[in-house]
Amino acid sequence: MSDFKHKDFTGSLFKNEYKEKDTQPDYKGSATVGGKDFDAAGWISQTKSGTPYLSLKFGEPYNKDGNKAAPKQESQAQTSDLPF
């Protein structure tokens, strides 16, 4: 993957050349929103009346090991007042 960085509130999708099943996205890419990076996926679909549209899904980015980025841990101050 390149070191390209999107400007804030922008993204890009590319045709998924490895799609084998309908559950896999037709397009994959990334976006930056509010200074945070996201993975993006898009499926070509159509409404009941036949109008085509692109359905999108955003998620936490994957790291180079193929795992999702580790979620941010809560600070000790937020959990120290729990009774257990």
Protein backbone atom coordinates (compact mmCIF):
# COMPACT_ATOMS: atom_id res chain seq x y z
CA MET A 1 0.00 0.00 0.00
CA SER A 2 1.27 3.48 -0.71
CA ASP A 3 1.87 6.38 1.64
CA PHE A 4 -0.89 8.40 -0.05
CA LYS A 5 -2.97 10.43 2.41
CA HIS A 6 -6.45 11.70 1.52
CA LYS A 7 -7.42 15.25 2.30
CA ASP A 8 -9.94 15.42 5.12
CA PHE A 9 -13.50 14.41 4.17
CA THR A 10 -12.38 12.71 0.95
CA GLY A 11 -11.82 9.14 -0.16
CA SER A 12 -11.48 6.86 -3.16
CA LEU A 13 -12.80 3.48 -4.27
CA PHE A 14 -11.23 1.06 -6.75
CA LYS A 15 -12.73 -1.95 -8.52
CA ASN A 16 -12.24 -5.09 -6.45
CA GLU A 17 -10.34 -7.35 -8.86
CA TYR A 18 -10.47 -10.24 -6.35
CA LYS A 19 -14.26 -10.43 -5.93
CA GLU A 20 -15.47 -14.05 -5.98
CA LYS A 21 -18.83 -13.86 -4.14
CA ASP A 22 -21.75 -11.42 -4.03
CA THR A 23 -21.02 -10.79 -0.35
CA GLN A 24 -17.65 -9.30 -1.27
CA PRO A 25 -17.60 -5.62 -2.26
CA ASP A 26 -17.51 -4.51 -5.89
CA TYR A 27 -15.23 -1.63 -4.89
CA LYS A 28 -12.68 -1.16 -2.08
CA GLY A 29 -10.73 1.83 -0.91
CA SER A 30 -10.22 4.28 1.90
CA ALA A 31 -11.38 7.63 3.21
CA THR A 32 -10.39 10.24 5.78
CA VAL A 33 -13.13 11.83 7.87
CA GLY A 34 -12.45 14.21 10.74
CA GLY A 35 -8.75 13.41 10.49
CA LYS A 36 -9.33 9.67 11.02
CA ASP A 37 -8.64 7.03 8.36
CA PHE A 38 -11.26 4.44 7.39
CA ASP A 39 -11.42 1.47 5.05
CA ALA A 40 -14.28 1.80 2.56
CA ALA A 41 -16.22 -0.80 0.58
CA GLY A 42 -18.95 -0.40 -2.02
CA TRP A 43 -21.54 -2.73 -3.52
CA ILE A 44 -23.43 -2.00 -6.74
CA SER A 45 -27.10 -2.56 -6.02
CA GLN A 46 -30.53 -1.41 -7.16
CA THR A 47 -33.77 -0.31 -5.57
CA LYS A 48 -37.00 -2.32 -5.91
CA SER A 49 -37.95 -0.04 -8.80
CA GLY A 50 -34.64 -0.82 -10.57
CA THR A 51 -32.73 2.41 -9.91
CA PRO A 52 -29.02 1.58 -9.50
CA TYR A 53 -27.07 2.87 -6.50
CA LEU A 54 -23.81 2.28 -4.65
CA SER A 55 -24.13 0.95 -1.09
CA LEU A 56 -21.18 1.94 1.13
CA LYS A 57 -19.66 0.58 4.32
CA PHE A 58 -16.85 2.14 6.38
CA GLY A 59 -14.73 0.41 8.99
CA GLU A 60 -11.56 0.59 11.02
CA PRO A 61 -8.47 0.27 8.82
CA TYR A 62 -6.52 -2.99 8.68
CA ASN A 63 -2.86 -2.94 9.56
CA LYS A 64 -0.20 -4.62 7.41
CA ASP A 65 -0.55 -7.89 9.34
CA GLY A 66 -4.13 -8.20 8.04
CA ASN A 67 -5.71 -7.49 11.42
CA LYS A 68 -7.98 -4.64 12.35
CA ALA A 69 -6.27 -1.77 14.08
CA ALA A 70 -6.37 -2.17 17.83
CA PRO A 71 -9.28 -0.31 19.41
CA LYS A 72 -8.45 2.58 21.68
CA GLN A 73 -8.35 1.50 25.29
CA GLU A 74 -10.35 3.34 27.89
CA SER A 75 -8.33 5.43 30.27
CA GLN A 76 -7.96 4.27 33.86
CA ALA A 77 -9.99 7.29 35.03
CA GLN A 78 -13.04 6.08 33.11
CA THR A 79 -12.97 2.54 34.54
CA SER A 80 -11.71 3.13 38.10
CA ASP A 81 -15.15 4.09 39.42
CA LEU A 82 -16.67 0.71 38.49
CA PRO A 83 -17.80 -1.27 41.55
CA PHE A 84 -16.25 -4.53 40.34
